[in-house]
Amino acid sequence: MGHIQLLDIDSPQKDVVSIMVINAVGSVMFTRKVDVEAGQNSKYLSEFEQLPSGVYTVKLKSDLMDHTTRVIRIE
């Protein structure tokens, strides 16, 4: 059974957020837009299941936010 890949997004109001995942050498692995509601949102990212183990930069961007974080994918 695979690991569940959830990304928590906190939003002050309903919004559309662009998610960009970048590998350690700067290549964009995937991008995705998700709808979020006001408050805490957990979004399942099935695309992570296809990525090899490693450290990834995740960029979240919308009219209301611009946030960057790192995640570690372990198989």
N, C-alpha and C. Protein backbone atom coordinates (compact mmCIF):
# COMPACT_ATOMS: atom_id res chain seq x y z
N MET A 1 0.85 -1.17 0.00
CA MET A 1 0.00 0.00 0.00
C MET A 1 0.89 1.23 0.00
N GLY A 2 0.55 2.24 -0.82
CA GLY A 2 1.34 3.47 -0.93
C GLY A 2 1.09 4.41 0.23
N HIS A 3 1.98 5.35 0.37
CA HIS A 3 1.84 6.38 1.38
C HIS A 3 0.86 7.44 0.89
N ILE A 4 0.07 7.97 1.79
CA ILE A 4 -0.87 9.02 1.42
C ILE A 4 -0.11 10.34 1.38
N GLN A 5 -0.25 11.06 0.28
CA GLN A 5 0.46 12.32 0.08
C GLN A 5 -0.51 13.48 0.26
N LEU A 6 -0.55 14.05 1.46
CA LEU A 6 -1.44 15.16 1.76
C LEU A 6 -0.64 16.43 1.93
N LEU A 7 -1.17 17.50 1.40
CA LEU A 7 -0.57 18.81 1.56
C LEU A 7 -1.57 19.67 2.31
N ASP A 8 -1.18 20.21 3.45
CA ASP A 8 -2.05 21.08 4.23
C ASP A 8 -1.89 22.52 3.76
N ILE A 9 -3.01 23.16 3.46
CA ILE A 9 -3.01 24.55 2.98
C ILE A 9 -3.97 25.34 3.86
N ASP A 10 -3.46 26.40 4.47
CA ASP A 10 -4.27 27.28 5.29
C ASP A 10 -4.59 28.53 4.48
N SER A 11 -5.88 28.82 4.31
CA SER A 11 -6.28 29.95 3.47
C SER A 11 -7.24 30.87 4.23
N PRO A 12 -7.06 32.19 4.09
CA PRO A 12 -7.95 33.11 4.78
C PRO A 12 -9.36 33.15 4.19
N GLN A 13 -9.49 32.71 2.92
CA GLN A 13 -10.81 32.68 2.28
C GLN A 13 -10.77 31.71 1.11
N LYS A 14 -11.94 31.47 0.51
CA LYS A 14 -12.02 30.59 -0.65
C LYS A 14 -11.11 31.12 -1.74
N ASP A 15 -10.37 30.21 -2.41
CA ASP A 15 -9.36 30.65 -3.36
C ASP A 15 -9.00 29.50 -4.28
N VAL A 16 -8.24 29.79 -5.33
CA VAL A 16 -7.63 28.78 -6.20
C VAL A 16 -6.13 28.93 -6.02
N VAL A 17 -5.46 27.83 -5.66
CA VAL A 17 -4.03 27.85 -5.36
C VAL A 17 -3.28 27.03 -6.41
N SER A 18 -2.22 27.61 -6.96
CA SER A 18 -1.33 26.88 -7.88
C SER A 18 -0.24 26.21 -7.05
N ILE A 19 -0.04 24.94 -7.30
CA ILE A 19 1.00 24.16 -6.61
C ILE A 19 2.05 23.77 -7.64
N MET A 20 3.31 24.08 -7.34
CA MET A 20 4.42 23.69 -8.22
C MET A 20 5.41 22.90 -7.38
N VAL A 21 5.79 21.72 -7.86
CA VAL A 21 6.76 20.87 -7.16
C VAL A 21 8.02 20.80 -7.99
N ILE A 22 9.15 21.14 -7.35
CA ILE A 22 10.44 21.26 -8.03
C ILE A 22 11.44 20.31 -7.35
N ASN A 23 12.21 19.57 -8.15
CA ASN A 23 13.20 18.66 -7.56
C ASN A 23 14.47 19.41 -7.15
N ALA A 24 15.44 18.68 -6.61
CA ALA A 24 16.66 19.28 -6.05
C ALA A 24 17.53 19.97 -7.10
N VAL A 25 17.39 19.62 -8.38
CA VAL A 25 18.20 20.27 -9.41
C VAL A 25 17.44 21.38 -10.14
N GLY A 26 16.23 21.68 -9.67
CA GLY A 26 15.47 22.81 -10.21
C GLY A 26 14.48 22.49 -11.31
N SER A 27 14.29 21.21 -11.61
CA SER A 27 13.31 20.83 -12.64
C SER A 27 11.91 20.78 -12.05
N VAL A 28 10.94 21.34 -12.77
CA VAL A 28 9.55 21.29 -12.33
C VAL A 28 9.04 19.87 -12.58
N MET A 29 8.61 19.21 -11.51
CA MET A 29 8.13 17.83 -11.61
C MET A 29 6.65 17.79 -11.97
N PHE A 30 5.85 18.69 -11.39
CA PHE A 30 4.46 18.83 -11.78
C PHE A 30 3.90 20.13 -11.23
N THR A 31 2.82 20.56 -11.86
CA THR A 31 2.06 21.71 -11.37
C THR A 31 0.59 21.30 -11.32
N ARG A 32 -0.13 21.95 -10.44
CA ARG A 32 -1.54 21.62 -10.27
C ARG A 32 -2.26 22.80 -9.64
N LYS A 33 -3.50 23.02 -10.00
CA LYS A 33 -4.33 24.04 -9.35
C LYS A 33 -5.38 23.32 -8.52
N VAL A 34 -5.60 23.82 -7.30
CA VAL A 34 -6.61 23.24 -6.42
C VAL A 34 -7.50 24.35 -5.86
N ASP A 35 -8.76 24.01 -5.65
CA ASP A 35 -9.69 24.91 -4.98
C ASP A 35 -9.56 24.70 -3.49
N VAL A 36 -9.52 25.79 -2.73
CA VAL A 36 -9.47 25.70 -1.27
C VAL A 36 -10.59 26.55 -0.68
N GLU A 37 -11.02 26.14 0.48
CA GLU A 37 -12.02 26.88 1.24
C GLU A 37 -11.30 27.69 2.32
N ALA A 38 -12.01 28.61 2.95
CA ALA A 38 -11.43 29.36 4.06
C ALA A 38 -11.08 28.39 5.19
N GLY A 39 -9.90 28.58 5.78
CA GLY A 39 -9.45 27.72 6.88
C GLY A 39 -8.46 26.67 6.41
N GLN A 40 -8.39 25.58 7.16
CA GLN A 40 -7.42 24.51 6.90
C GLN A 40 -7.95 23.57 5.83
N ASN A 41 -7.13 23.27 4.83
CA ASN A 41 -7.47 22.36 3.75
C ASN A 41 -6.39 21.30 3.63
N SER A 42 -6.77 20.04 3.46
CA SER A 42 -5.82 18.96 3.18
C SER A 42 -6.11 18.46 1.78
N LYS A 43 -5.10 18.52 0.93
CA LYS A 43 -5.26 18.12 -0.47
C LYS A 43 -4.39 16.90 -0.76
N TYR A 44 -5.00 15.88 -1.36
CA TYR A 44 -4.29 14.68 -1.77
C TYR A 44 -3.60 14.96 -3.10
N LEU A 45 -2.31 14.69 -3.17
CA LEU A 45 -1.54 14.90 -4.39
C LEU A 45 -1.05 13.55 -4.91
N SER A 46 -1.83 12.94 -5.77
CA SER A 46 -1.47 11.62 -6.30
C SER A 46 -0.18 11.66 -7.12
N GLU A 47 0.16 12.83 -7.65
CA GLU A 47 1.38 12.97 -8.45
C GLU A 47 2.64 12.59 -7.66
N PHE A 48 2.61 12.78 -6.34
CA PHE A 48 3.76 12.42 -5.52
C PHE A 48 4.07 10.93 -5.58
N GLU A 49 3.05 10.11 -5.83
CA GLU A 49 3.25 8.66 -5.89
C GLU A 49 4.20 8.27 -7.02
N GLN A 50 4.29 9.10 -8.06
CA GLN A 50 5.13 8.81 -9.22
C GLN A 50 6.56 9.31 -9.08
N LEU A 51 6.82 10.11 -8.03
CA LEU A 51 8.15 10.71 -7.87
C LEU A 51 9.09 9.78 -7.11
N PRO A 52 10.38 9.82 -7.47
CA PRO A 52 11.36 9.04 -6.70
C PRO A 52 11.61 9.70 -5.34
N SER A 53 12.21 8.95 -4.44
CA SER A 53 12.56 9.50 -3.13
C SER A 53 13.47 10.70 -3.31
N GLY A 54 13.32 11.69 -2.45
CA GLY A 54 14.17 12.88 -2.54
C GLY A 54 13.55 14.05 -1.82
N VAL A 55 14.24 15.19 -1.90
CA VAL A 55 13.77 16.44 -1.32
C VAL A 55 13.19 17.30 -2.43
N TYR A 56 12.01 17.84 -2.20
CA TYR A 56 11.32 18.64 -3.20
C TYR A 56 10.92 19.99 -2.60
N THR A 57 10.97 21.03 -3.42
CA THR A 57 10.46 22.34 -3.05
C THR A 57 9.03 22.42 -3.56
N VAL A 58 8.12 22.84 -2.68
CA VAL A 58 6.72 23.00 -3.04
C VAL A 58 6.37 24.48 -2.94
N LYS A 59 5.92 25.06 -4.06
CA LYS A 59 5.54 26.47 -4.08
C LYS A 59 4.03 26.57 -4.20
N LEU A 60 3.43 27.33 -3.29
CA LEU A 60 1.99 27.59 -3.30
C LEU A 60 1.79 29.05 -3.65
N LYS A 61 0.96 29.32 -4.65
CA LYS A 61 0.78 30.70 -5.07
C LYS A 61 -0.67 30.95 -5.46
N SER A 62 -1.18 32.11 -5.01
CA SER A 62 -2.51 32.58 -5.41
C SER A 62 -2.51 34.09 -5.23
N ASP A 63 -3.65 34.70 -5.45
CA ASP A 63 -3.77 36.15 -5.22
C ASP A 63 -3.59 36.48 -3.74
N LEU A 64 -3.87 35.51 -2.86
CA LEU A 64 -3.83 35.75 -1.42
C LEU A 64 -2.58 35.22 -0.73
N MET A 65 -1.82 34.35 -1.40
CA MET A 65 -0.65 33.76 -0.74
C MET A 65 0.49 33.52 -1.71
N ASP A 66 1.69 33.45 -1.15
CA ASP A 66 2.89 33.08 -1.87
C ASP A 66 3.78 32.41 -0.85
N HIS A 67 3.80 31.08 -0.85
CA HIS A 67 4.49 30.32 0.21
C HIS A 67 5.33 29.22 -0.42
N THR A 68 6.52 29.02 0.15
CA THR A 68 7.42 27.95 -0.31
C THR A 68 7.80 27.09 0.87
N THR A 69 7.80 25.79 0.67
CA THR A 69 8.21 24.84 1.72
C THR A 69 8.95 23.68 1.06
N ARG A 70 9.56 22.84 1.84
CA ARG A 70 10.24 21.65 1.33
C ARG A 70 9.57 20.41 1.92
N VAL A 71 9.53 19.37 1.09
CA VAL A 71 9.01 18.08 1.56
C VAL A 71 10.02 17.00 1.21
N ILE A 72 10.00 15.94 1.98
CA ILE A 72 10.88 14.79 1.73
C ILE A 72 9.99 13.62 1.34
N ARG A 73 10.28 13.03 0.20
CA ARG A 73 9.53 11.85 -0.27
C ARG A 73 10.38 10.64 0.04
N ILE A 74 9.82 9.72 0.81
CA ILE A 74 10.50 8.47 1.17
C ILE A 74 9.59 7.31 0.74
N GLU A 75 10.17 6.38 0.00
CA GLU A 75 9.36 5.21 -0.43
C GLU A 75 9.31 4.19 0.67
